[in-house]
Amino acid sequence: MLDTHARKFVQPSIDKTATLFLNKGRTANEITILALFIGVSTSVFYILGYPVLGVVMLWLSGFLDAVDGTMARHTKTSPFGTVMDITFDRVVEIAMIVAIAYVHPEVMFPLLLLSVSIIISMTIFLVVGAVSEKAGIKSFYYQAGVAERTEGFLLFSIMLLFPDFLLWSTLLFFAVELFTGIQRFMEAKRILK
């Protein structure tokens, strides 16, 4: 929801950063890989006991994830770049869930539920993008929903920074993600008749 509706407020800084990287001769795929390593470092910092630094790295990786897409649209998008982008986003999420489970094994089952809801929602998102004839500014049909990348980062940040509320924030994330999956499924039924 925020990715779709609030992007216009941060897009100027994303554009400036994308232009800076392009002027330095960097490619979108290089920034995608950089965002992956920074995103995975979130989990390492969390396990080492530095949750604030982990959250900073998480948001930096998310910013770079937006920058790489803008770079690709200013040059030439590639199907493999899209595959890298979507796959690496999931790797960062999985790494965070594994790190939280490692530090807080008492919430293993809610984290499993969260993982299931992410799988369901992303499966619908990817299949609709693959079979839809619609196209947007991305290289595939982007199906908006209540839980997009920014909402996920907000909820992961709460999970990392407030361990006393970890059970409830994980269950909230699960519910929001599951609702998004249902929302996307209903939209798919409407647009793919």
N, C-alpha and C. Protein backbone atom coordinates (compact mmCIF):
# COMPACT_ATOMS: atom_id res chain seq x y z
N MET A 1 0.82 -1.18 0.00
CA MET A 1 0.00 0.00 0.00
C MET A 1 0.87 1.25 0.00
N LEU A 2 1.86 1.30 0.90
CA LEU A 2 2.74 2.48 0.95
C LEU A 2 3.62 2.57 -0.29
N ASP A 3 4.08 1.41 -0.79
CA ASP A 3 4.90 1.43 -2.01
C ASP A 3 4.12 2.07 -3.15
N THR A 4 2.84 1.76 -3.24
CA THR A 4 2.01 2.26 -4.32
C THR A 4 1.65 3.73 -4.12
N HIS A 5 1.30 4.11 -2.88
CA HIS A 5 0.74 5.44 -2.66
C HIS A 5 1.73 6.48 -2.14
N ALA A 6 2.81 6.06 -1.52
CA ALA A 6 3.76 7.03 -0.94
C ALA A 6 5.05 7.14 -1.73
N ARG A 7 5.17 6.37 -2.78
CA ARG A 7 6.42 6.36 -3.57
C ARG A 7 6.78 7.74 -4.09
N LYS A 8 5.75 8.53 -4.45
CA LYS A 8 6.00 9.85 -5.03
C LYS A 8 6.78 10.77 -4.09
N PHE A 9 6.70 10.52 -2.79
CA PHE A 9 7.40 11.37 -1.82
C PHE A 9 8.89 11.06 -1.73
N VAL A 10 9.25 9.80 -1.96
CA VAL A 10 10.67 9.41 -1.87
C VAL A 10 11.32 9.25 -3.23
N GLN A 11 10.51 9.28 -4.29
CA GLN A 11 11.06 9.07 -5.63
C GLN A 11 12.14 10.08 -6.01
N PRO A 12 12.04 11.36 -5.63
CA PRO A 12 13.13 12.28 -5.99
C PRO A 12 14.50 11.85 -5.46
N SER A 13 14.56 11.35 -4.22
CA SER A 13 15.85 10.89 -3.69
C SER A 13 16.28 9.58 -4.35
N ILE A 14 15.33 8.75 -4.72
CA ILE A 14 15.65 7.52 -5.44
C ILE A 14 16.21 7.87 -6.81
N ASP A 15 15.58 8.83 -7.50
CA ASP A 15 16.05 9.26 -8.83
C ASP A 15 17.47 9.83 -8.75
N LYS A 16 17.73 10.66 -7.76
CA LYS A 16 19.06 11.26 -7.62
C LYS A 16 20.12 10.19 -7.37
N THR A 17 19.81 9.23 -6.51
CA THR A 17 20.77 8.16 -6.22
C THR A 17 20.99 7.29 -7.45
N ALA A 18 19.91 6.98 -8.17
CA ALA A 18 20.02 6.17 -9.39
C ALA A 18 20.90 6.89 -10.41
N THR A 19 20.69 8.19 -10.58
CA THR A 19 21.51 8.97 -11.52
C THR A 19 22.96 8.98 -11.10
N LEU A 20 23.21 9.13 -9.81
CA LEU A 20 24.58 9.11 -9.29
C LEU A 20 25.27 7.79 -9.62
N PHE A 21 24.60 6.68 -9.35
CA PHE A 21 25.18 5.36 -9.65
C PHE A 21 25.40 5.18 -11.15
N LEU A 22 24.43 5.59 -11.95
CA LEU A 22 24.58 5.46 -13.41
C LEU A 22 25.75 6.30 -13.92
N ASN A 23 25.89 7.50 -13.38
CA ASN A 23 27.01 8.37 -13.77
C ASN A 23 28.36 7.79 -13.36
N LYS A 24 28.36 6.96 -12.31
CA LYS A 24 29.59 6.31 -11.86
C LYS A 24 29.85 5.00 -12.62
N GLY A 25 28.97 4.67 -13.58
CA GLY A 25 29.16 3.48 -14.38
C GLY A 25 28.63 2.20 -13.76
N ARG A 26 27.85 2.31 -12.71
CA ARG A 26 27.27 1.13 -12.06
C ARG A 26 26.03 0.68 -12.83
N THR A 27 25.72 -0.61 -12.71
CA THR A 27 24.53 -1.16 -13.36
C THR A 27 23.46 -1.46 -12.31
N ALA A 28 22.24 -1.61 -12.80
CA ALA A 28 21.13 -1.96 -11.89
C ALA A 28 21.39 -3.30 -11.22
N ASN A 29 21.92 -4.26 -11.96
CA ASN A 29 22.18 -5.59 -11.37
C ASN A 29 23.24 -5.52 -10.27
N GLU A 30 24.24 -4.66 -10.43
CA GLU A 30 25.25 -4.49 -9.37
C GLU A 30 24.60 -3.95 -8.10
N ILE A 31 23.69 -3.02 -8.24
CA ILE A 31 23.01 -2.44 -7.06
C ILE A 31 22.07 -3.48 -6.45
N THR A 32 21.46 -4.31 -7.26
CA THR A 32 20.61 -5.39 -6.75
C THR A 32 21.43 -6.32 -5.86
N ILE A 33 22.62 -6.67 -6.31
CA ILE A 33 23.50 -7.55 -5.53
C ILE A 33 23.96 -6.85 -4.25
N LEU A 34 24.30 -5.57 -4.35
CA LEU A 34 24.68 -4.79 -3.17
C LEU A 34 23.53 -4.76 -2.15
N ALA A 35 22.31 -4.54 -2.64
CA ALA A 35 21.14 -4.52 -1.75
C ALA A 35 20.95 -5.88 -1.07
N LEU A 36 21.23 -6.96 -1.78
CA LEU A 36 21.13 -8.29 -1.19
C LEU A 36 22.10 -8.43 -0.01
N PHE A 37 23.37 -8.09 -0.23
CA PHE A 37 24.36 -8.27 0.84
C PHE A 37 24.06 -7.37 2.04
N ILE A 38 23.64 -6.15 1.77
CA ILE A 38 23.29 -5.24 2.87
C ILE A 38 22.05 -5.78 3.60
N GLY A 39 21.08 -6.28 2.85
CA GLY A 39 19.87 -6.82 3.46
C GLY A 39 20.15 -8.04 4.32
N VAL A 40 20.99 -8.94 3.85
CA VAL A 40 21.34 -10.13 4.64
C VAL A 40 22.15 -9.74 5.87
N SER A 41 22.91 -8.65 5.78
CA SER A 41 23.67 -8.20 6.96
C SER A 41 22.74 -7.83 8.11
N THR A 42 21.49 -7.49 7.79
CA THR A 42 20.50 -7.23 8.84
C THR A 42 20.43 -8.40 9.81
N SER A 43 20.36 -9.59 9.26
CA SER A 43 20.24 -10.79 10.08
C SER A 43 21.50 -11.05 10.89
N VAL A 44 22.64 -10.81 10.27
CA VAL A 44 23.91 -11.01 10.98
C VAL A 44 23.99 -10.05 12.16
N PHE A 45 23.69 -8.79 11.93
CA PHE A 45 23.75 -7.80 13.03
C PHE A 45 22.75 -8.15 14.12
N TYR A 46 21.57 -8.63 13.74
CA TYR A 46 20.57 -9.00 14.73
C TYR A 46 21.06 -10.16 15.60
N ILE A 47 21.61 -11.18 14.99
CA ILE A 47 22.13 -12.32 15.74
C ILE A 47 23.28 -11.89 16.66
N LEU A 48 24.09 -10.95 16.20
CA LEU A 48 25.21 -10.47 17.00
C LEU A 48 24.80 -9.50 18.12
N GLY A 49 23.51 -9.16 18.16
CA GLY A 49 23.01 -8.31 19.24
C GLY A 49 22.97 -6.83 18.91
N TYR A 50 22.93 -6.49 17.62
CA TYR A 50 22.86 -5.09 17.19
C TYR A 50 21.59 -4.86 16.37
N PRO A 51 20.42 -4.91 17.02
CA PRO A 51 19.17 -4.80 16.26
C PRO A 51 18.99 -3.43 15.59
N VAL A 52 19.44 -2.37 16.22
CA VAL A 52 19.27 -1.04 15.62
C VAL A 52 20.09 -0.94 14.33
N LEU A 53 21.33 -1.40 14.37
CA LEU A 53 22.16 -1.40 13.17
C LEU A 53 21.54 -2.32 12.11
N GLY A 54 20.98 -3.42 12.54
CA GLY A 54 20.29 -4.32 11.61
C GLY A 54 19.14 -3.63 10.90
N VAL A 55 18.34 -2.87 11.64
CA VAL A 55 17.21 -2.16 11.05
C VAL A 55 17.71 -1.09 10.07
N VAL A 56 18.78 -0.39 10.42
CA VAL A 56 19.36 0.60 9.51
C VAL A 56 19.77 -0.08 8.20
N MET A 57 20.41 -1.24 8.30
CA MET A 57 20.83 -1.97 7.10
C MET A 57 19.62 -2.45 6.30
N LEU A 58 18.59 -2.87 7.00
CA LEU A 58 17.36 -3.31 6.32
C LEU A 58 16.79 -2.20 5.46
N TRP A 59 16.67 -1.01 6.04
CA TRP A 59 16.08 0.12 5.29
C TRP A 59 17.01 0.59 4.17
N LEU A 60 18.32 0.52 4.40
CA LEU A 60 19.26 0.88 3.34
C LEU A 60 19.12 -0.10 2.18
N SER A 61 18.99 -1.38 2.48
CA SER A 61 18.82 -2.37 1.40
C SER A 61 17.51 -2.12 0.66
N GLY A 62 16.47 -1.75 1.38
CA GLY A 62 15.19 -1.44 0.73
C GLY A 62 15.27 -0.23 -0.18
N PHE A 63 16.01 0.78 0.28
CA PHE A 63 16.21 1.97 -0.54
C PHE A 63 16.95 1.60 -1.83
N LEU A 64 18.02 0.82 -1.68
CA LEU A 64 18.79 0.39 -2.86
C LEU A 64 17.96 -0.50 -3.77
N ASP A 65 17.04 -1.27 -3.20
CA ASP A 65 16.14 -2.10 -3.99
C ASP A 65 15.25 -1.23 -4.87
N ALA A 66 14.85 -0.07 -4.37
CA ALA A 66 14.07 0.87 -5.19
C ALA A 66 14.96 1.55 -6.22
N VAL A 67 16.19 1.85 -5.83
CA VAL A 67 17.13 2.52 -6.73
C VAL A 67 17.46 1.63 -7.93
N ASP A 68 17.68 0.34 -7.70
CA ASP A 68 18.05 -0.52 -8.83
C ASP A 68 16.95 -0.60 -9.88
N GLY A 69 15.71 -0.60 -9.44
CA GLY A 69 14.60 -0.61 -10.40
C GLY A 69 14.54 0.67 -11.21
N THR A 70 14.78 1.79 -10.55
CA THR A 70 14.80 3.08 -11.25
C THR A 70 15.95 3.12 -12.24
N MET A 71 17.10 2.59 -11.84
CA MET A 71 18.25 2.53 -12.76
C MET A 71 17.90 1.69 -13.99
N ALA A 72 17.26 0.56 -13.76
CA ALA A 72 16.90 -0.33 -14.88
C ALA A 72 15.94 0.37 -15.84
N ARG A 73 14.97 1.11 -15.29
CA ARG A 73 14.02 1.80 -16.15
C ARG A 73 14.67 2.95 -16.91
N HIS A 74 15.76 3.52 -16.38
CA HIS A 74 16.47 4.60 -17.08
C HIS A 74 17.44 4.06 -18.13
N THR A 75 17.74 2.78 -18.06
CA THR A 75 18.65 2.17 -19.04
C THR A 75 17.85 1.13 -19.82
N LYS A 76 18.01 -0.12 -19.46
CA LYS A 76 17.26 -1.19 -20.13
C LYS A 76 16.96 -2.27 -19.10
N THR A 77 15.68 -2.53 -18.89
CA THR A 77 15.32 -3.60 -17.95
C THR A 77 15.68 -4.95 -18.57
N SER A 78 16.02 -5.88 -17.70
CA SER A 78 16.32 -7.22 -18.19
C SER A 78 15.48 -8.23 -17.41
N PRO A 79 14.99 -9.26 -18.09
CA PRO A 79 14.21 -10.28 -17.39
C PRO A 79 15.00 -10.92 -16.25
N PHE A 80 16.31 -11.15 -16.47
CA PHE A 80 17.10 -11.75 -15.39
C PHE A 80 17.25 -10.79 -14.21
N GLY A 81 17.34 -9.49 -14.48
CA GLY A 81 17.38 -8.50 -13.41
C GLY A 81 16.12 -8.56 -12.56
N THR A 82 14.97 -8.76 -13.21
CA THR A 82 13.71 -8.90 -12.47
C THR A 82 13.74 -10.15 -11.60
N VAL A 83 14.25 -11.25 -12.16
CA VAL A 83 14.35 -12.50 -11.38
C VAL A 83 15.26 -12.29 -10.17
N MET A 84 16.42 -11.67 -10.40
CA MET A 84 17.34 -11.39 -9.28
C MET A 84 16.66 -10.55 -8.22
N ASP A 85 16.00 -9.48 -8.65
CA ASP A 85 15.37 -8.55 -7.72
C ASP A 85 14.35 -9.24 -6.83
N ILE A 86 13.43 -9.97 -7.43
CA ILE A 86 12.38 -10.63 -6.65
C ILE A 86 12.95 -11.74 -5.78
N THR A 87 13.88 -12.51 -6.32
CA THR A 87 14.49 -13.60 -5.54
C THR A 87 15.28 -13.06 -4.36
N PHE A 88 16.08 -12.04 -4.58
CA PHE A 88 16.91 -11.49 -3.51
C PHE A 88 16.06 -10.85 -2.42
N ASP A 89 14.92 -10.26 -2.80
CA ASP A 89 13.99 -9.73 -1.78
C ASP A 89 13.55 -10.84 -0.84
N ARG A 90 13.23 -12.00 -1.41
CA ARG A 90 12.79 -13.12 -0.57
C ARG A 90 13.94 -13.66 0.28
N VAL A 91 15.15 -13.67 -0.27
CA VAL A 91 16.32 -14.14 0.50
C VAL A 91 16.50 -13.26 1.74
N VAL A 92 16.36 -11.95 1.58
CA VAL A 92 16.50 -11.03 2.72
C VAL A 92 15.42 -11.33 3.76
N GLU A 93 14.19 -11.52 3.31
CA GLU A 93 13.10 -11.82 4.25
C GLU A 93 13.34 -13.14 4.97
N ILE A 94 13.73 -14.17 4.23
CA ILE A 94 13.99 -15.48 4.83
C ILE A 94 15.13 -15.38 5.84
N ALA A 95 16.18 -14.65 5.48
CA ALA A 95 17.31 -14.50 6.40
C ALA A 95 16.86 -13.84 7.71
N MET A 96 15.97 -12.85 7.62
CA MET A 96 15.48 -12.21 8.85
C MET A 96 14.64 -13.17 9.69
N ILE A 97 13.77 -13.92 9.04
CA ILE A 97 12.94 -14.88 9.78
C ILE A 97 13.82 -15.93 10.45
N VAL A 98 14.82 -16.43 9.76
CA VAL A 98 15.74 -17.42 10.35
C VAL A 98 16.51 -16.81 11.52
N ALA A 99 16.97 -15.57 11.36
CA ALA A 99 17.71 -14.92 12.44
C ALA A 99 16.83 -14.71 13.67
N ILE A 100 15.60 -14.28 13.45
CA ILE A 100 14.68 -14.08 14.59
C ILE A 100 14.40 -15.43 15.27
N ALA A 101 14.21 -16.48 14.48
CA ALA A 101 13.97 -17.81 15.05
C ALA A 101 15.19 -18.30 15.83
N TYR A 102 16.38 -17.97 15.36
CA TYR A 102 17.60 -18.36 16.05
C TYR A 102 17.71 -17.66 17.41
N VAL A 103 17.40 -16.36 17.43
CA VAL A 103 17.50 -15.58 18.67
C VAL A 103 16.31 -15.85 19.59
N HIS A 104 15.15 -16.08 19.02
CA HIS A 104 13.91 -16.26 19.80
C HIS A 104 13.19 -17.54 19.37
N PRO A 105 13.73 -18.70 19.73
CA PRO A 105 13.08 -19.95 19.30
C PRO A 105 11.67 -20.12 19.87
N GLU A 106 11.33 -19.37 20.88
CA GLU A 106 10.00 -19.48 21.48
C GLU A 106 8.89 -19.00 20.54
N VAL A 107 9.24 -18.27 19.46
CA VAL A 107 8.22 -17.81 18.51
C VAL A 107 8.35 -18.55 17.17
N MET A 108 8.92 -19.73 17.23
CA MET A 108 9.14 -20.51 16.00
C MET A 108 7.84 -20.76 15.24
N PHE A 109 6.78 -21.17 15.94
CA PHE A 109 5.53 -21.47 15.24
C PHE A 109 4.92 -20.23 14.60
N PRO A 110 4.81 -19.09 15.29
CA PRO A 110 4.32 -17.88 14.61
C PRO A 110 5.19 -17.48 13.41
N LEU A 111 6.50 -17.67 13.52
CA LEU A 111 7.38 -17.35 12.39
C LEU A 111 7.12 -18.31 11.22
N LEU A 112 6.79 -19.56 11.54
CA LEU A 112 6.42 -20.51 10.49
C LEU A 112 5.13 -20.06 9.81
N LEU A 113 4.15 -19.63 10.59
CA LEU A 113 2.91 -19.11 10.01
C LEU A 113 3.19 -17.89 9.13
N LEU A 114 4.06 -17.00 9.59
CA LEU A 114 4.44 -15.83 8.79
C LEU A 114 5.06 -16.27 7.47
N SER A 115 5.95 -17.24 7.53
CA SER A 115 6.59 -17.74 6.31
C SER A 115 5.56 -18.30 5.33
N VAL A 116 4.60 -19.04 5.85
CA VAL A 116 3.54 -19.61 5.00
C VAL A 116 2.74 -18.50 4.34
N SER A 117 2.39 -17.47 5.11
CA SER A 117 1.58 -16.38 4.54
C SER A 117 2.36 -15.62 3.47
N ILE A 118 3.66 -15.45 3.66
CA ILE A 118 4.48 -14.78 2.65
C ILE A 118 4.54 -15.63 1.39
N ILE A 119 4.70 -16.94 1.56
CA ILE A 119 4.74 -17.84 0.39
C ILE A 119 3.44 -17.77 -0.39
N ILE A 120 2.32 -17.83 0.31
CA ILE A 120 1.02 -17.77 -0.37
C ILE A 120 0.85 -16.44 -1.10
N SER A 121 1.09 -15.35 -0.41
CA SER A 121 0.90 -14.03 -1.01
C SER A 121 1.83 -13.81 -2.20
N MET A 122 3.09 -14.21 -2.06
CA MET A 122 4.04 -14.01 -3.16
C MET A 122 3.75 -14.95 -4.33
N THR A 123 3.25 -16.14 -4.06
CA THR A 123 2.88 -17.04 -5.15
C THR A 123 1.77 -16.42 -6.01
N ILE A 124 0.76 -15.90 -5.34
CA ILE A 124 -0.34 -15.25 -6.07
C ILE A 124 0.20 -14.05 -6.85
N PHE A 125 1.01 -13.23 -6.19
CA PHE A 125 1.59 -12.04 -6.81
C PHE A 125 2.37 -12.41 -8.07
N LEU A 126 3.22 -13.43 -7.98
CA LEU A 126 4.07 -13.81 -9.11
C LEU A 126 3.28 -14.46 -10.24
N VAL A 127 2.32 -15.31 -9.89
CA VAL A 127 1.54 -15.97 -10.93
C VAL A 127 0.66 -14.95 -11.66
N VAL A 128 0.04 -14.05 -10.92
CA VAL A 128 -0.77 -13.02 -11.58
C VAL A 128 0.11 -12.16 -12.48
N GLY A 129 1.29 -11.81 -12.00
CA GLY A 129 2.23 -11.04 -12.82
C GLY A 129 2.62 -11.78 -14.09
N ALA A 130 2.76 -13.10 -13.98
CA ALA A 130 3.19 -13.90 -15.14
C ALA A 130 2.08 -14.09 -16.16
N VAL A 131 0.85 -14.27 -15.71
CA VAL A 131 -0.23 -14.58 -16.65
C VAL A 131 -1.04 -13.35 -17.07
N SER A 132 -0.82 -12.24 -16.42
CA SER A 132 -1.58 -11.04 -16.74
C SER A 132 -1.05 -10.37 -17.99
N GLU A 133 -1.95 -9.84 -18.78
CA GLU A 133 -1.55 -9.08 -19.96
C GLU A 133 -1.31 -7.63 -19.62
N LYS A 134 -1.69 -7.23 -18.43
CA LYS A 134 -1.45 -5.85 -18.00
C LYS A 134 0.03 -5.65 -17.76
N ALA A 135 0.47 -4.44 -17.91
CA ALA A 135 1.86 -4.11 -17.61
C ALA A 135 1.89 -2.75 -16.95
N GLY A 136 2.85 -2.55 -16.08
CA GLY A 136 3.01 -1.27 -15.42
C GLY A 136 4.39 -0.72 -15.70
N ILE A 137 4.89 0.11 -14.79
CA ILE A 137 6.22 0.67 -14.99
C ILE A 137 7.30 -0.37 -14.71
N LYS A 138 6.93 -1.45 -14.05
CA LYS A 138 7.88 -2.54 -13.83
C LYS A 138 7.82 -3.49 -15.02
N SER A 139 8.66 -4.49 -15.02
CA SER A 139 8.71 -5.40 -16.16
C SER A 139 7.62 -6.47 -16.09
N PHE A 140 6.71 -6.36 -15.13
CA PHE A 140 5.61 -7.30 -14.99
C PHE A 140 4.46 -6.55 -14.35
N TYR A 141 3.28 -7.16 -14.33
CA TYR A 141 2.13 -6.53 -13.69
C TYR A 141 2.35 -6.54 -12.19
N TYR A 142 2.37 -5.37 -11.59
CA TYR A 142 2.60 -5.23 -10.15
C TYR A 142 1.26 -5.16 -9.45
N GLN A 143 0.94 -6.20 -8.71
CA GLN A 143 -0.33 -6.29 -8.01
C GLN A 143 -0.19 -5.69 -6.62
N ALA A 144 -0.75 -4.50 -6.42
CA ALA A 144 -0.66 -3.82 -5.13
C ALA A 144 -1.45 -4.59 -4.08
N GLY A 145 -1.15 -4.30 -2.83
CA GLY A 145 -1.87 -4.94 -1.74
C GLY A 145 -1.62 -4.21 -0.44
N VAL A 146 -2.29 -4.63 0.61
CA VAL A 146 -2.11 -3.99 1.91
C VAL A 146 -0.66 -4.11 2.37
N ALA A 147 -0.08 -5.30 2.21
CA ALA A 147 1.31 -5.52 2.64
C ALA A 147 2.22 -5.56 1.41
N GLU A 148 2.92 -4.47 1.20
CA GLU A 148 3.94 -4.43 0.16
C GLU A 148 5.29 -4.38 0.88
N ARG A 149 6.33 -4.07 0.17
CA ARG A 149 7.69 -4.12 0.75
C ARG A 149 7.83 -3.19 1.96
N THR A 150 7.32 -1.97 1.87
CA THR A 150 7.49 -1.01 2.97
C THR A 150 6.77 -1.47 4.23
N GLU A 151 5.55 -1.99 4.08
CA GLU A 151 4.84 -2.49 5.26
C GLU A 151 5.60 -3.66 5.88
N GLY A 152 6.16 -4.51 5.03
CA GLY A 152 6.97 -5.61 5.53
C GLY A 152 8.17 -5.11 6.31
N PHE A 153 8.83 -4.08 5.79
CA PHE A 153 9.99 -3.52 6.49
C PHE A 153 9.57 -2.88 7.81
N LEU A 154 8.42 -2.21 7.83
CA LEU A 154 7.93 -1.63 9.10
C LEU A 154 7.69 -2.73 10.12
N LEU A 155 7.02 -3.80 9.70
CA LEU A 155 6.72 -4.88 10.64
C LEU A 155 7.98 -5.63 11.05
N PHE A 156 8.90 -5.87 10.11
CA PHE A 156 10.18 -6.50 10.50
C PHE A 156 10.94 -5.60 11.48
N SER A 157 10.90 -4.30 11.27
CA SER A 157 11.59 -3.36 12.18
C SER A 157 11.02 -3.46 13.58
N ILE A 158 9.70 -3.51 13.69
CA ILE A 158 9.06 -3.65 15.00
C ILE A 158 9.47 -4.98 15.64
N MET A 159 9.49 -6.03 14.84
CA MET A 159 9.89 -7.34 15.36
C MET A 159 11.32 -7.32 15.88
N LEU A 160 12.22 -6.67 15.15
CA LEU A 160 13.63 -6.65 15.55
C LEU A 160 13.88 -5.74 16.75
N LEU A 161 13.16 -4.62 16.82
CA LEU A 161 13.45 -3.62 17.85
C LEU A 161 12.69 -3.81 19.16
N PHE A 162 11.57 -4.52 19.11
CA PHE A 162 10.74 -4.65 20.31
C PHE A 162 10.48 -6.13 20.61
N PRO A 163 11.49 -6.83 21.14
CA PRO A 163 11.34 -8.27 21.39
C PRO A 163 10.23 -8.61 22.39
N ASP A 164 9.87 -7.68 23.27
CA ASP A 164 8.79 -7.97 24.22
C ASP A 164 7.45 -8.16 23.52
N PHE A 165 7.32 -7.61 22.31
CA PHE A 165 6.08 -7.71 21.55
C PHE A 165 6.23 -8.62 20.33
N LEU A 166 7.29 -9.43 20.32
CA LEU A 166 7.61 -10.22 19.14
C LEU A 166 6.49 -11.18 18.76
N LEU A 167 5.91 -11.86 19.72
CA LEU A 167 4.82 -12.79 19.41
C LEU A 167 3.69 -12.05 18.70
N TRP A 168 3.28 -10.91 19.25
CA TRP A 168 2.13 -10.19 18.70
C TRP A 168 2.46 -9.50 17.39
N SER A 169 3.67 -8.97 17.26
CA SER A 169 4.03 -8.33 15.99
C SER A 169 4.17 -9.37 14.88
N THR A 170 4.64 -10.57 15.23
CA THR A 170 4.74 -11.64 14.24
C THR A 170 3.36 -12.08 13.79
N LEU A 171 2.44 -12.23 14.75
CA LEU A 171 1.07 -12.62 14.41
C LEU A 171 0.37 -11.53 13.60
N LEU A 172 0.65 -10.27 13.92
CA LEU A 172 0.09 -9.17 13.14
C LEU A 172 0.61 -9.22 11.70
N PHE A 173 1.91 -9.42 11.55
CA PHE A 173 2.51 -9.52 10.22
C PHE A 173 1.87 -10.69 9.46
N PHE A 174 1.71 -11.83 10.12
CA PHE A 174 1.07 -12.99 9.51
C PHE A 174 -0.33 -12.63 9.01
N ALA A 175 -1.12 -11.96 9.85
CA ALA A 175 -2.50 -11.61 9.50
C ALA A 175 -2.53 -10.64 8.32
N VAL A 176 -1.67 -9.64 8.35
CA VAL A 176 -1.63 -8.64 7.27
C VAL A 176 -1.21 -9.30 5.96
N GLU A 177 -0.22 -10.17 6.03
CA GLU A 177 0.27 -10.86 4.82
C GLU A 177 -0.80 -11.81 4.28
N LEU A 178 -1.48 -12.53 5.16
CA LEU A 178 -2.54 -13.44 4.72
C LEU A 178 -3.69 -12.65 4.09
N PHE A 179 -4.05 -11.52 4.70
CA PHE A 179 -5.09 -10.67 4.13
C PHE A 179 -4.69 -10.20 2.74
N THR A 180 -3.42 -9.83 2.58
CA THR A 180 -2.93 -9.38 1.28
C THR A 180 -3.03 -10.50 0.25
N GLY A 181 -2.69 -11.72 0.65
CA GLY A 181 -2.83 -12.85 -0.27
C GLY A 181 -4.27 -13.04 -0.72
N ILE A 182 -5.20 -12.94 0.22
CA ILE A 182 -6.62 -13.08 -0.12
C ILE A 182 -7.05 -11.93 -1.04
N GLN A 183 -6.61 -10.73 -0.70
CA GLN A 183 -6.91 -9.54 -1.51
C GLN A 183 -6.40 -9.74 -2.95
N ARG A 184 -5.18 -10.20 -3.10
CA ARG A 184 -4.60 -10.42 -4.43
C ARG A 184 -5.33 -11.54 -5.17
N PHE A 185 -5.73 -12.58 -4.44
CA PHE A 185 -6.46 -13.69 -5.06
C PHE A 185 -7.79 -13.20 -5.61
N MET A 186 -8.50 -12.37 -4.84
CA MET A 186 -9.79 -11.84 -5.27
C MET A 186 -9.61 -10.92 -6.48
N GLU A 187 -8.56 -10.13 -6.47
CA GLU A 187 -8.31 -9.26 -7.62
C GLU A 187 -7.98 -10.11 -8.85
N ALA A 188 -7.21 -11.18 -8.66
CA ALA A 188 -6.87 -12.06 -9.77
C ALA A 188 -8.13 -12.66 -10.38
N LYS A 189 -9.07 -13.06 -9.54
CA LYS A 189 -10.33 -13.60 -10.04
C LYS A 189 -11.05 -12.57 -10.90
N ARG A 190 -10.98 -11.31 -10.49
CA ARG A 190 -11.66 -10.24 -11.22
C ARG A 190 -10.98 -9.92 -12.54
N ILE A 191 -9.65 -9.82 -12.56
CA ILE A 191 -8.96 -9.35 -13.77
C ILE A 191 -8.59 -10.46 -14.75
N LEU A 192 -8.62 -11.71 -14.31
CA LEU A 192 -8.16 -12.81 -15.16
C LEU A 192 -9.30 -13.71 -15.64
N LYS A 193 -10.46 -13.15 -15.81
CA LYS A 193 -11.62 -13.95 -16.28
C LYS A 193 -11.43 -14.37 -17.72
